[in-house]
C-alpha atoms as a PDB file:
ATOM      1  CA  MET A   1      47.666  -6.744  -4.491  1.00  0.00           C
ATOM      2  CA  ASN A   2      49.300  -8.559  -7.363  1.00  0.00           C
ATOM      3  CA  TYR A   3      52.395  -7.039  -8.906  1.00  0.00           C
ATOM      4  CA  PRO A   4      53.846  -8.790 -11.934  1.00  0.00           C
ATOM      5  CA  PHE A   5      57.450  -9.910 -11.732  1.00  0.00           C
ATOM      6  CA  TYR A   6      59.402  -8.919 -14.857  1.00  0.00           C
ATOM      7  CA  GLY A   7      63.000  -9.542 -13.825  1.00  0.00           C
ATOM      8  CA  SER A   8      63.241  -6.773 -11.258  1.00  0.00           C
ATOM      9  CA  MET A   9      61.735  -6.673  -7.812  1.00  0.00           C
ATOM     10  CA  LEU A  10      59.498  -3.941  -6.479  1.00  0.00           C
ATOM     11  CA  TYR A  11      59.297  -2.925  -2.840  1.00  0.00           C
ATOM     12  CA  LEU A  12      56.203  -1.381  -1.311  1.00  0.00           C
ATOM     13  CA  ILE A  13      57.016   1.537   0.946  1.00  0.00           C
ATOM     14  CA  LYS A  14      55.204   4.248   2.829  1.00  0.00           C
ATOM     15  CA  PHE A  15      54.971   7.269   0.539  1.00  0.00           C
ATOM     16  CA  SER A  16      56.796  10.365   1.638  1.00  0.00           C
ATOM     17  CA  PRO A  17      56.241  13.555  -0.398  1.00  0.00           C
ATOM     18  CA  SER A  18      59.686  14.806   0.645  1.00  0.00           C
ATOM     19  CA  ASN A  19      61.445  12.264  -1.588  1.00  0.00           C
ATOM     20  CA  PRO A  20      59.217  11.600  -4.644  1.00  0.00           C
ATOM     21  CA  THR A  21      61.984  11.059  -7.210  1.00  0.00           C
ATOM     22  CA  ASP A  22      62.812   7.430  -6.466  1.00  0.00           C
ATOM     23  CA  VAL A  23      59.287   6.068  -5.952  1.00  0.00           C
ATOM     24  CA  SER A  24      56.187   5.704  -8.071  1.00  0.00           C
ATOM     25  CA  LEU A  25      52.590   5.426  -6.932  1.00  0.00           C
ATOM     26  CA  LYS A  26      50.284   2.548  -7.764  1.00  0.00           C
ATOM     27  CA  ASN A  27      46.900   2.351  -6.041  1.00  0.00           C
ATOM     28  CA  ASN A  28      48.036   4.969  -3.481  1.00  0.00           C
ATOM     29  CA  THR A  29      50.974   2.767  -2.469  1.00  0.00           C
ATOM     30  CA  ALA A  30      54.508   3.885  -3.150  1.00  0.00           C
ATOM     31  CA  ILE A  31      56.786   1.436  -4.935  1.00  0.00           C
ATOM     32  CA  MET A  32      60.581   1.567  -4.667  1.00  0.00           C
ATOM     33  CA  ASP A  33      62.528  -0.101  -7.472  1.00  0.00           C
ATOM     34  CA  TYR A  34      65.174  -2.717  -6.749  1.00  0.00           C
ATOM     35  CA  GLU A  35      68.189  -0.520  -7.546  1.00  0.00           C
ATOM     36  CA  THR A  36      66.987   2.215  -5.202  1.00  0.00           C
ATOM     37  CA  TYR A  37      66.287  -0.383  -2.509  1.00  0.00           C
ATOM     38  CA  LEU A  38      69.828  -1.772  -2.850  1.00  0.00           C
ATOM     39  CA  GLU A  39      71.372   1.696  -2.761  1.00  0.00           C
ATOM     40  CA  LYS A  40      69.494   2.550   0.412  1.00  0.00           C
ATOM     41  CA  THR A  41      70.329  -0.822   1.965  1.00  0.00           C
ATOM     42  CA  ASN A  42      74.041  -0.305   1.242  1.00  0.00           C
ATOM     43  CA  TYR A  43      73.870   3.201   2.685  1.00  0.00           C
ATOM     44  CA  LEU A  44      72.156   1.775   5.780  1.00  0.00           C
ATOM     45  CA  LEU A  45      75.060  -0.664   6.170  1.00  0.00           C
ATOM     46  CA  GLU A  46      77.509   2.224   5.858  1.00  0.00           C
ATOM     47  CA  MET A  47      75.610   4.177   8.525  1.00  0.00           C
ATOM     48  CA  CYS A  48      75.806   1.173  10.872  1.00  0.00           C
ATOM     49  CA  SER A  49      79.504   0.651  10.232  1.00  0.00           C
ATOM     50  CA  LYS A  50      80.232   4.282  11.126  1.00  0.00           C
ATOM     51  CA  GLY A  51      77.868   4.277  14.113  1.00  0.00           C
ATOM     52  CA  ARG A  52      75.587   6.947  12.670  1.00  0.00           C
ATOM     53  CA  LEU A  53      72.281   5.053  12.764  1.00  0.00           C
ATOM     54  CA  ILE A  54      70.545   6.206  15.928  1.00  0.00           C
ATOM     55  CA  SER A  55      67.022   4.931  15.328  1.00  0.00           C
ATOM     56  CA  LEU A  56      64.739   3.331  12.778  1.00  0.00           C
ATOM     57  CA  GLU A  57      62.654   6.504  12.696  1.00  0.00           C
ATOM     58  CA  GLU A  58      65.697   8.606  11.781  1.00  0.00           C
ATOM     59  CA  ALA A  59      66.553   6.313   8.870  1.00  0.00           C
ATOM     60  CA  ALA A  60      62.923   6.136   7.747  1.00  0.00           C
ATOM     61  CA  ASN A  61      62.707   9.921   7.605  1.00  0.00           C
ATOM     62  CA  LYS A  62      66.011  10.144   5.742  1.00  0.00           C
ATOM     63  CA  PHE A  63      65.025   7.479   3.178  1.00  0.00           C
ATOM     64  CA  GLY A  64      61.393   8.551   2.856  1.00  0.00           C
ATOM     65  CA  CYS A  65      59.953   5.174   3.817  1.00  0.00           C
ATOM     66  CA  ALA A  66      58.364   3.374   6.771  1.00  0.00           C
ATOM     67  CA  THR A  67      60.222   2.134   9.821  1.00  0.00           C
ATOM     68  CA  ARG A  68      59.103  -1.391   8.896  1.00  0.00           C
ATOM     69  CA  THR A  69      61.007  -1.049   5.601  1.00  0.00           C
ATOM     70  CA  ILE A  70      64.156  -0.137   7.552  1.00  0.00           C
ATOM     71  CA  SER A  71      63.602  -3.177   9.794  1.00  0.00           C
ATOM     72  CA  ARG A  72      63.370  -5.382   6.710  1.00  0.00           C
ATOM     73  CA  MET A  73      66.548  -3.850   5.292  1.00  0.00           C
ATOM     74  CA  LEU A  74      68.395  -4.557   8.555  1.00  0.00           C
ATOM     75  CA  ALA A  75      67.050  -8.126   8.585  1.00  0.00           C
ATOM     76  CA  ARG A  76      68.270  -8.588   5.013  1.00  0.00           C
ATOM     77  CA  LEU A  77      71.743  -7.325   5.956  1.00  0.00           C
ATOM     78  CA  ARG A  78      71.833  -9.676   8.939  1.00  0.00           C
ATOM     79  CA  ARG A  79      70.857 -12.626   6.714  1.00  0.00           C
ATOM     80  CA  GLN A  80      73.733 -11.673   4.420  1.00  0.00           C
ATOM     81  CA  GLY A  81      76.097 -12.108   7.372  1.00  0.00           C
ATOM     82  CA  HIS A  82      76.569  -8.546   8.634  1.00  0.00           C
ATOM     83  CA  PRO A  83      76.608  -8.593  12.469  1.00  0.00           C
ATOM     84  CA  ILE A  84      74.408  -5.532  13.040  1.00  0.00           C
ATOM     85  CA  HIS A  85      73.038  -5.018  16.535  1.00  0.00           C
ATOM     86  CA  TYR A  86      71.647  -2.211  18.661  1.00  0.00           C
ATOM     87  CA  ASP A  87      74.082  -1.123  21.356  1.00  0.00           C
ATOM     88  CA  ARG A  88      72.067   0.166  24.311  1.00  0.00           C
ATOM     89  CA  THR A  89      75.031   1.862  25.963  1.00  0.00           C
ATOM     90  CA  ILE A  90      75.641   4.255  23.052  1.00  0.00           C
ATOM     91  CA  LYS A  91      72.038   4.021  21.760  1.00  0.00           C
ATOM     92  CA  ARG A  92      72.973   3.264  18.150  1.00  0.00           C
ATOM     93  CA  PHE A  93      72.951   0.446  15.620  1.00  0.00           C
ATOM     94  CA  VAL A  94      76.511  -0.773  15.061  1.00  0.00           C
ATOM     95  CA  LEU A  95      78.493  -3.595  13.509  1.00  0.00           C
ATOM     96  CA  LYS A  96      80.130  -5.945  15.999  1.00  0.00           C
ATOM     97  CA  GLU A  97      83.830  -5.147  16.097  1.00  0.00           C
ATOM     98  CA  ASP A  98      85.019  -8.719  16.609  1.00  0.00           C
ATOM     99  CA  PHE A  99      83.537  -9.780  13.247  1.00  0.00           C
ATOM    100  CA  LEU A 100      85.993 -11.332  10.786  1.00  0.00           C
ATOM    101  CA  PRO A 101      84.686 -11.900   7.224  1.00  0.00           C
END
C-alpha cells in the first residue's frame, strides 16, 4: 500500500470497533494519526513508569490496536533512551530504577 506523506505520519493499526474515534479506515485497514500515536506512546511510558503494564495484550486492548503496534511503541521508547524492560519476578514492564537521565 502506498500512503502519501503530507507532513504528518500515519500508523497502520489493527481496527478495533471499541475505539473508533481516533482511527480512520482505508482499504479495511485502520490508520492512527501521528498525534494519537504519540499520546498513546506517552501513556504507555507512563504505565511502564508506574508498573501498570502487565502485558502487550492488555495494552493492545486498552488502546484498540494490535500487540505488534505496542511492541513498536516500546521499541521506539527504548530507542529514545527509556530503559524499559520486562521484569519476570513481578511479571510487568517497568523502567529500570538505576537510570539517570
